[in-house]
C-alpha atoms as a PDB file:
ATOM      1  CA  MET A   1      11.922   0.802 -15.388  1.00  0.00           C
ATOM      2  CA  ASP A   2      12.032   3.111 -12.403  1.00  0.00           C
ATOM      3  CA  PRO A   3       9.260   2.821  -9.651  1.00  0.00           C
ATOM      4  CA  LEU A   4       8.638   6.366  -9.713  1.00  0.00           C
ATOM      5  CA  HIS A   5       7.833   5.981 -13.473  1.00  0.00           C
ATOM      6  CA  ILE A   6       6.221   2.923 -13.156  1.00  0.00           C
ATOM      7  CA  ALA A   7       4.072   5.070 -10.408  1.00  0.00           C
ATOM      8  CA  LYS A   8       3.178   7.650 -13.235  1.00  0.00           C
ATOM      9  CA  GLU A   9       2.277   5.265 -16.061  1.00  0.00           C
ATOM     10  CA  LEU A  10      -0.342   3.735 -13.360  1.00  0.00           C
ATOM     11  CA  ARG A  11      -1.884   6.673 -12.191  1.00  0.00           C
ATOM     12  CA  HIS A  12      -2.251   7.458 -15.950  1.00  0.00           C
ATOM     13  CA  GLN A  13      -3.998   4.027 -16.591  1.00  0.00           C
ATOM     14  CA  VAL A  14      -6.627   4.162 -13.580  1.00  0.00           C
ATOM     15  CA  SER A  15      -7.072   7.604 -13.907  1.00  0.00           C
ATOM     16  CA  THR A  16      -9.098   6.764 -17.600  1.00  0.00           C
ATOM     17  CA  LEU A  17     -11.601   4.397 -15.475  1.00  0.00           C
ATOM     18  CA  ARG A  18     -14.954   5.004 -14.681  1.00  0.00           C
ATOM     19  CA  PHE A  19     -16.886   3.711 -11.445  1.00  0.00           C
ATOM     20  CA  GLY A  20     -20.818   3.012 -10.784  1.00  0.00           C
ATOM     21  CA  PRO A  21     -22.943   2.024  -8.013  1.00  0.00           C
ATOM     22  CA  PRO A  22     -22.350   1.789  -4.850  1.00  0.00           C
ATOM     23  CA  VAL A  23     -19.007   3.689  -5.324  1.00  0.00           C
ATOM     24  CA  THR A  24     -19.857   7.350  -5.624  1.00  0.00           C
ATOM     25  CA  HIS A  25     -16.615   8.878  -4.561  1.00  0.00           C
ATOM     26  CA  VAL A  26     -12.975   7.738  -6.016  1.00  0.00           C
ATOM     27  CA  TYR A  27     -10.130   9.180  -4.545  1.00  0.00           C
ATOM     28  CA  SER A  28      -6.215   8.653  -6.355  1.00  0.00           C
ATOM     29  CA  PRO A  29      -3.403   9.663  -4.058  1.00  0.00           C
ATOM     30  CA  LEU A  30      -1.328   9.196  -6.850  1.00  0.00           C
ATOM     31  CA  HIS A  31      -2.700  13.081  -8.161  1.00  0.00           C
ATOM     32  CA  TYR A  32      -3.189  14.960  -5.032  1.00  0.00           C
ATOM     33  CA  ALA A  33      -0.398  13.579  -2.740  1.00  0.00           C
ATOM     34  CA  TRP A  34       2.242  12.830  -5.344  1.00  0.00           C
ATOM     35  CA  ALA A  35       4.991  14.833  -3.868  1.00  0.00           C
ATOM     36  CA  PRO A  36       5.065  12.742  -0.779  1.00  0.00           C
ATOM     37  CA  HIS A  37       4.746   9.359  -2.897  1.00  0.00           C
ATOM     38  CA  ALA A  38       7.419  10.724  -4.939  1.00  0.00           C
ATOM     39  CA  GLU A  39       9.204  11.564  -2.432  1.00  0.00           C
ATOM     40  CA  TYR A  40       9.170   7.805  -0.714  1.00  0.00           C
ATOM     41  CA  LEU A  41       9.819   5.972  -3.972  1.00  0.00           C
ATOM     42  CA  ARG A  42      13.310   8.598  -4.167  1.00  0.00           C
ATOM     43  CA  ARG A  43      14.469   7.834  -0.846  1.00  0.00           C
ATOM     44  CA  PHE A  44      13.427   4.309   0.171  1.00  0.00           C
ATOM     45  CA  GLY A  45      12.438   2.191  -3.786  1.00  0.00           C
ATOM     46  CA  GLN A  46      15.387   3.106  -6.046  1.00  0.00           C
ATOM     47  CA  SER A  47      17.527  -0.074  -4.565  1.00  0.00           C
ATOM     48  CA  PRO A  48      16.675  -4.116  -5.061  1.00  0.00           C
ATOM     49  CA  LYS A  49      15.369  -5.738  -2.076  1.00  0.00           C
ATOM     50  CA  GLN A  50      14.921  -8.968  -0.877  1.00  0.00           C
ATOM     51  CA  VAL A  51      11.149  -8.633   0.224  1.00  0.00           C
ATOM     52  CA  LEU A  52       8.478  -6.800  -1.513  1.00  0.00           C
ATOM     53  CA  LEU A  53       5.084  -6.542   1.098  1.00  0.00           C
ATOM     54  CA  LEU A  54       2.199  -6.003  -0.557  1.00  0.00           C
ATOM     55  CA  GLY A  55      -1.163  -4.059   0.465  1.00  0.00           C
ATOM     56  CA  MET A  56      -4.671  -3.622  -0.762  1.00  0.00           C
ATOM     57  CA  ASN A  57      -5.135  -0.232  -1.570  1.00  0.00           C
ATOM     58  CA  PRO A  58      -4.816   2.937   0.542  1.00  0.00           C
ATOM     59  CA  GLY A  59      -6.524   3.082   3.810  1.00  0.00           C
ATOM     60  CA  PRO A  60      -8.662   6.634   4.463  1.00  0.00           C
ATOM     61  CA  PHE A  61      -6.744   7.746   6.949  1.00  0.00           C
ATOM     62  CA  GLY A  62      -3.392   6.185   5.937  1.00  0.00           C
ATOM     63  CA  MET A  63      -1.976   6.693   2.303  1.00  0.00           C
ATOM     64  CA  ALA A  64      -5.336   8.288   1.472  1.00  0.00           C
ATOM     65  CA  GLN A  65      -4.471  11.174   3.428  1.00  0.00           C
ATOM     66  CA  CYS A  66      -0.411  11.207   3.090  1.00  0.00           C
ATOM     67  CA  GLY A  67       0.401   8.991   0.079  1.00  0.00           C
ATOM     68  CA  VAL A  68       2.684   6.662   1.168  1.00  0.00           C
ATOM     69  CA  PRO A  69       1.620   3.080   1.765  1.00  0.00           C
ATOM     70  CA  PHE A  70       0.308   2.214   5.137  1.00  0.00           C
ATOM     71  CA  GLY A  71       0.840   5.819   5.755  1.00  0.00           C
ATOM     72  CA  GLU A  72       0.118   6.572   9.599  1.00  0.00           C
ATOM     73  CA  ILE A  73       0.878  10.213   9.596  1.00  0.00           C
ATOM     74  CA  ALA A  74       2.907   9.675  12.800  1.00  0.00           C
ATOM     75  CA  ALA A  75       5.297   6.867  11.183  1.00  0.00           C
ATOM     76  CA  VAL A  76       5.621   8.668   7.964  1.00  0.00           C
ATOM     77  CA  ARG A  77       6.647  11.729   9.812  1.00  0.00           C
ATOM     78  CA  GLY A  78       8.321  11.080  12.656  1.00  0.00           C
ATOM     79  CA  TRP A  79      10.354   7.752  11.530  1.00  0.00           C
ATOM     80  CA  LEU A  80       9.953   7.958   8.114  1.00  0.00           C
ATOM     81  CA  GLY A  81      10.812  11.537   7.782  1.00  0.00           C
ATOM     82  CA  ILE A  82       7.801  12.501   4.909  1.00  0.00           C
ATOM     83  CA  GLU A  83       6.214  15.656   5.167  1.00  0.00           C
ATOM     84  CA  ALA A  84       5.266  17.299   1.880  1.00  0.00           C
ATOM     85  CA  PRO A  85       2.111  19.063  -0.009  1.00  0.00           C
ATOM     86  CA  ILE A  86      -0.894  17.639   0.012  1.00  0.00           C
ATOM     87  CA  GLY A  87      -3.768  18.626  -2.660  1.00  0.00           C
ATOM     88  CA  ARG A  88      -7.676  17.465  -2.543  1.00  0.00           C
ATOM     89  CA  PRO A  89      -8.904  15.254  -5.001  1.00  0.00           C
ATOM     90  CA  PRO A  90     -11.712  16.611  -7.150  1.00  0.00           C
ATOM     91  CA  GLN A  91     -15.009  15.290  -5.686  1.00  0.00           C
ATOM     92  CA  GLU A  92     -14.501  14.819  -2.071  1.00  0.00           C
ATOM     93  CA  HIS A  93     -16.403  13.017   0.533  1.00  0.00           C
ATOM     94  CA  PRO A  94     -17.811  15.182   3.177  1.00  0.00           C
ATOM     95  CA  LYS A  95     -17.348  12.460   5.627  1.00  0.00           C
ATOM     96  CA  ARG A  96     -14.130  11.324   4.395  1.00  0.00           C
ATOM     97  CA  PRO A  97     -11.911  15.115   4.153  1.00  0.00           C
ATOM     98  CA  ILE A  98      -8.230  15.107   3.255  1.00  0.00           C
ATOM     99  CA  GLN A  99      -6.278  16.930   6.057  1.00  0.00           C
ATOM    100  CA  GLY A 100      -2.941  15.969   5.105  1.00  0.00           C
ATOM    101  CA  PHE A 101      -0.533  15.330   7.438  1.00  0.00           C
ATOM    102  CA  ASP A 102      -3.158  17.687   9.774  1.00  0.00           C
ATOM    103  CA  CYS A 103      -5.399  14.205  10.082  1.00  0.00           C
ATOM    104  CA  PRO A 104      -6.178  13.732  13.354  1.00  0.00           C
ATOM    105  CA  ARG A 105      -7.223  10.154  12.555  1.00  0.00           C
ATOM    106  CA  SER A 106      -4.378   7.648  13.156  1.00  0.00           C
ATOM    107  CA  GLU A 107      -4.064   4.538  10.680  1.00  0.00           C
ATOM    108  CA  VAL A 108      -4.249   1.528  13.204  1.00  0.00           C
ATOM    109  CA  SER A 109      -3.168  -1.054  10.291  1.00  0.00           C
ATOM    110  CA  GLY A 110       0.007   1.676   9.390  1.00  0.00           C
ATOM    111  CA  ALA A 111       0.681   2.211  13.299  1.00  0.00           C
ATOM    112  CA  ARG A 112       1.570  -1.443  13.581  1.00  0.00           C
ATOM    113  CA  LEU A 113       3.158  -2.317  10.201  1.00  0.00           C
ATOM    114  CA  TRP A 114       5.509   0.729  10.626  1.00  0.00           C
ATOM    115  CA  GLY A 115       6.215   0.164  14.412  1.00  0.00           C
ATOM    116  CA  TRP A 116       6.817  -3.380  13.753  1.00  0.00           C
ATOM    117  CA  ALA A 117       9.676  -1.699  11.337  1.00  0.00           C
ATOM    118  CA  GLY A 118      11.185   0.027  13.994  1.00  0.00           C
ATOM    119  CA  GLU A 119      11.081  -2.195  16.485  1.00  0.00           C
ATOM    120  CA  HIS A 120      13.330  -4.746  14.133  1.00  0.00           C
ATOM    121  CA  PHE A 121      15.215  -2.109  12.526  1.00  0.00           C
ATOM    122  CA  ASP A 122      17.186   0.881  13.648  1.00  0.00           C
ATOM    123  CA  THR A 123      16.356   3.037  11.030  1.00  0.00           C
ATOM    124  CA  PRO A 124      14.239   3.440   7.848  1.00  0.00           C
ATOM    125  CA  GLU A 125      17.603   2.515   6.129  1.00  0.00           C
ATOM    126  CA  GLU A 126      18.378  -0.127   7.247  1.00  0.00           C
ATOM    127  CA  PHE A 127      15.180  -1.765   7.209  1.00  0.00           C
ATOM    128  CA  PHE A 128      14.569  -0.686   3.057  1.00  0.00           C
ATOM    129  CA  ALA A 129      17.994  -2.323   2.324  1.00  0.00           C
ATOM    130  CA  ARG A 130      15.767  -5.411   2.040  1.00  0.00           C
ATOM    131  CA  PHE A 131      12.621  -4.650   2.713  1.00  0.00           C
ATOM    132  CA  PHE A 132      10.110  -2.524   0.274  1.00  0.00           C
ATOM    133  CA  ILE A 133       5.762  -1.815   0.913  1.00  0.00           C
ATOM    134  CA  ALA A 134       3.861  -0.667  -1.606  1.00  0.00           C
ATOM    135  CA  ASN A 135      -0.041  -1.272  -2.321  1.00  0.00           C
ATOM    136  CA  TYR A 136      -1.294  -3.248  -5.178  1.00  0.00           C
ATOM    137  CA  CYS A 137      -4.301  -0.763  -6.180  1.00  0.00           C
ATOM    138  CA  PRO A 138      -3.420   2.934  -5.629  1.00  0.00           C
ATOM    139  CA  LEU A 139      -7.331   3.931  -5.938  1.00  0.00           C
ATOM    140  CA  VAL A 140      -9.373   4.721  -2.517  1.00  0.00           C
ATOM    141  CA  PHE A 141     -13.164   3.815  -3.379  1.00  0.00           C
ATOM    142  CA  MET A 142     -16.340   4.948  -1.042  1.00  0.00           C
ATOM    143  CA  ALA A 143     -19.932   4.399  -1.114  1.00  0.00           C
ATOM    144  CA  GLU A 144     -22.015   7.545  -0.400  1.00  0.00           C
ATOM    145  CA  THR A 145     -22.387   7.190   2.960  1.00  0.00           C
ATOM    146  CA  GLY A 146     -18.655   6.899   3.119  1.00  0.00           C
ATOM    147  CA  ARG A 147     -18.189   3.631   3.656  1.00  0.00           C
ATOM    148  CA  ASN A 148     -15.307   2.280   2.478  1.00  0.00           C
ATOM    149  CA  ILE A 149     -15.440  -0.480  -0.647  1.00  0.00           C
ATOM    150  CA  THR A 150     -12.300  -2.323  -1.094  1.00  0.00           C
ATOM    151  CA  PRO A 151     -11.261  -2.985  -5.271  1.00  0.00           C
ATOM    152  CA  ASP A 152     -12.248  -6.706  -4.773  1.00  0.00           C
ATOM    153  CA  LYS A 153     -16.132  -5.694  -4.051  1.00  0.00           C
ATOM    154  CA  LEU A 154     -16.499  -3.803  -6.876  1.00  0.00           C
ATOM    155  CA  PRO A 155     -17.891  -5.616  -9.937  1.00  0.00           C
ATOM    156  CA  LYS A 156     -16.448  -7.711 -12.665  1.00  0.00           C
ATOM    157  CA  ALA A 157     -16.773  -5.077 -15.553  1.00  0.00           C
ATOM    158  CA  GLU A 158     -15.128  -2.686 -13.218  1.00  0.00           C
ATOM    159  CA  ARG A 159     -12.602  -5.037 -11.359  1.00  0.00           C
ATOM    160  CA  GLU A 160     -10.765  -6.799 -14.432  1.00  0.00           C
ATOM    161  CA  PRO A 161      -9.266  -3.313 -16.230  1.00  0.00           C
ATOM    162  CA  LEU A 162      -8.319  -1.984 -12.847  1.00  0.00           C
ATOM    163  CA  PHE A 163      -7.090  -5.323 -12.201  1.00  0.00           C
ATOM    164  CA  ALA A 164      -4.785  -5.414 -15.363  1.00  0.00           C
ATOM    165  CA  ALA A 165      -3.402  -2.238 -14.739  1.00  0.00           C
ATOM    166  CA  CYS A 166      -2.650  -3.235 -11.397  1.00  0.00           C
ATOM    167  CA  ASP A 167      -1.145  -6.270 -11.928  1.00  0.00           C
ATOM    168  CA  GLU A 168       1.030  -4.716 -15.195  1.00  0.00           C
ATOM    169  CA  ALA A 169       2.274  -2.307 -12.340  1.00  0.00           C
ATOM    170  CA  LEU A 170       2.872  -4.910  -9.935  1.00  0.00           C
ATOM    171  CA  ARG A 171       5.035  -7.009 -12.930  1.00  0.00           C
ATOM    172  CA  GLN A 172       7.264  -4.422 -13.553  1.00  0.00           C
ATOM    173  CA  THR A 173       7.807  -2.948  -9.809  1.00  0.00           C
ATOM    174  CA  VAL A 174       8.979  -6.912  -9.267  1.00  0.00           C
ATOM    175  CA  GLN A 175      11.170  -6.404 -12.415  1.00  0.00           C
ATOM    176  CA  ALA A 176      12.470  -2.954 -11.119  1.00  0.00           C
ATOM    177  CA  LEU A 177      13.008  -3.974  -7.445  1.00  0.00           C
ATOM    178  CA  GLY A 178      14.484  -8.127  -7.729  1.00  0.00           C
ATOM    179  CA  PRO A 179      12.941  -9.211  -5.147  1.00  0.00           C
ATOM    180  CA  MET A 180      13.271 -12.680  -3.527  1.00  0.00           C
ATOM    181  CA  TRP A 181       9.873 -12.559  -1.489  1.00  0.00           C
ATOM    182  CA  LEU A 182       6.674 -11.077  -1.994  1.00  0.00           C
ATOM    183  CA  VAL A 183       4.564 -10.943   0.950  1.00  0.00           C
ATOM    184  CA  GLY A 184       0.874  -9.948   0.596  1.00  0.00           C
ATOM    185  CA  ILE A 185      -0.417  -8.782   4.013  1.00  0.00           C
ATOM    186  CA  GLY A 186      -3.809 -10.332   3.916  1.00  0.00           C
ATOM    187  CA  ALA A 187      -5.252 -13.089   1.727  1.00  0.00           C
ATOM    188  CA  PHE A 188      -6.443 -10.464  -1.480  1.00  0.00           C
ATOM    189  CA  ALA A 189      -2.554  -9.048  -1.737  1.00  0.00           C
ATOM    190  CA  GLU A 190      -1.280 -12.500  -1.887  1.00  0.00           C
ATOM    191  CA  LYS A 191      -4.095 -13.917  -4.440  1.00  0.00           C
ATOM    192  CA  ARG A 192      -3.388 -10.980  -7.127  1.00  0.00           C
ATOM    193  CA  ALA A 193       0.368 -11.166  -6.446  1.00  0.00           C
ATOM    194  CA  ARG A 194       0.140 -14.722  -7.442  1.00  0.00           C
ATOM    195  CA  ILE A 195      -2.238 -14.393 -10.591  1.00  0.00           C
ATOM    196  CA  ALA A 196       0.119 -11.328 -11.795  1.00  0.00           C
ATOM    197  CA  LEU A 197       3.264 -13.094 -11.222  1.00  0.00           C
ATOM    198  CA  ASP A 198       2.417 -16.655 -11.609  1.00  0.00           C
ATOM    199  CA  ASP A 199       5.556 -17.216 -13.920  1.00  0.00           C
ATOM    200  CA  ALA A 200       7.800 -14.658 -12.337  1.00  0.00           C
ATOM    201  CA  ASP A 201      11.151 -16.534 -10.394  1.00  0.00           C
ATOM    202  CA  LEU A 202       9.968 -15.746  -7.137  1.00  0.00           C
ATOM    203  CA  ARG A 203       8.250 -17.109  -4.175  1.00  0.00           C
ATOM    204  CA  CYS A 204       5.217 -15.755  -2.337  1.00  0.00           C
ATOM    205  CA  GLY A 205       3.840 -15.851   0.749  1.00  0.00           C
ATOM    206  CA  ARG A 206       1.604 -13.940   3.372  1.00  0.00           C
ATOM    207  CA  ILE A 207       1.524 -12.614   7.057  1.00  0.00           C
ATOM    208  CA  LEU A 208      -1.042 -11.192   8.968  1.00  0.00           C
ATOM    209  CA  HIS A 209      -3.486  -8.342   8.006  1.00  0.00           C
ATOM    210  CA  PRO A 210      -2.743  -5.479  10.233  1.00  0.00           C
ATOM    211  CA  SER A 211      -6.608  -4.046  10.552  1.00  0.00           C
ATOM    212  CA  PRO A 212      -8.093  -4.263  13.695  1.00  0.00           C
ATOM    213  CA  ALA A 213     -11.225  -5.692  11.735  1.00  0.00           C
ATOM    214  CA  SER A 214      -9.286  -8.947  12.046  1.00  0.00           C
ATOM    215  CA  PRO A 215      -9.641 -10.273  15.724  1.00  0.00           C
ATOM    216  CA  ALA A 216      -6.394 -12.261  15.169  1.00  0.00           C
ATOM    217  CA  ALA A 217      -4.654  -9.013  14.391  1.00  0.00           C
ATOM    218  CA  ASN A 218      -5.766  -7.871  18.162  1.00  0.00           C
ATOM    219  CA  ARG A 219      -3.402  -9.865  19.361  1.00  0.00           C
ATOM    220  CA  ASP A 220      -0.344  -9.152  19.085  1.00  0.00           C
ATOM    221  CA  TRP A 221      -0.182  -8.576  15.380  1.00  0.00           C
ATOM    222  CA  ALA A 222       3.717  -7.981  15.465  1.00  0.00           C
ATOM    223  CA  GLY A 223       4.913 -10.707  17.208  1.00  0.00           C
ATOM    224  CA  GLN A 224       2.792 -13.156  14.921  1.00  0.00           C
ATOM    225  CA  VAL A 225       4.132 -11.726  11.948  1.00  0.00           C
ATOM    226  CA  THR A 226       7.837 -11.778  12.905  1.00  0.00           C
ATOM    227  CA  GLY A 227       7.079 -15.662  13.469  1.00  0.00           C
ATOM    228  CA  GLN A 228       5.104 -16.009  10.028  1.00  0.00           C
ATOM    229  CA  LEU A 229       8.293 -13.838   8.308  1.00  0.00           C
ATOM    230  CA  ARG A 230      11.121 -16.519   9.962  1.00  0.00           C
ATOM    231  CA  ASP A 231       8.392 -19.686   9.304  1.00  0.00           C
ATOM    232  CA  MET A 232       8.972 -18.606   5.447  1.00  0.00           C
ATOM    233  CA  GLY A 233      12.853 -18.079   6.044  1.00  0.00           C
ATOM    234  CA  ILE A 234      12.791 -14.714   5.792  1.00  0.00           C
ATOM    235  CA  GLU A 235      14.943 -12.655   8.526  1.00  0.00           C
ATOM    236  CA  VAL A 236      14.139 -10.419  11.089  1.00  0.00           C
ATOM    237  CA  PRO A 237      16.409  -8.896  13.543  1.00  0.00           C
END
């Protein structure tokens, strides 16, 4: 199945879900930032991959702004060469405005991840010949204060239908891209991958999440991750 179709179906599935307190705002970049997301999939998600790198969900200054997973604006515009019109979510939190490619904040996790890719691969085409980066969940959840709420913190009754839709999309993505490896970017993504793909013929692993909230990630994250991938048997130039 084509990744564009998978993304559209996932977008539809999660749009039917409702979330209660402490969640007050839900952003769906697959709606208002569909143009750059679709360009990302068309340009880089149409061929088989060796390694699928899987994140949790969009960051407030990354994919939430520009529609690209871990989408630090400078990297998306500069290294990936993607820039497209961005709309607005229907209910926007005043503390988390969507500014699209004009967003002045840097997504540190994305800067680290795409910066690592740029250090080891001369071009995006060289990187995407073997790797692909996706998120497990396409939604952003916020509390009344603007605080980010990760999917694992949702009540069970809200998590289960969300995770069912995301699990199915992940299975379809693996079928479409045929990776040998699925590597979770952090523990949550690895756990969900192992649950969703327990009968799939691929190997699962984990790398350190690049979030600056993790003390370990602030100590040569790129070097640690290169070592973790090589220890798995995944070649990194």
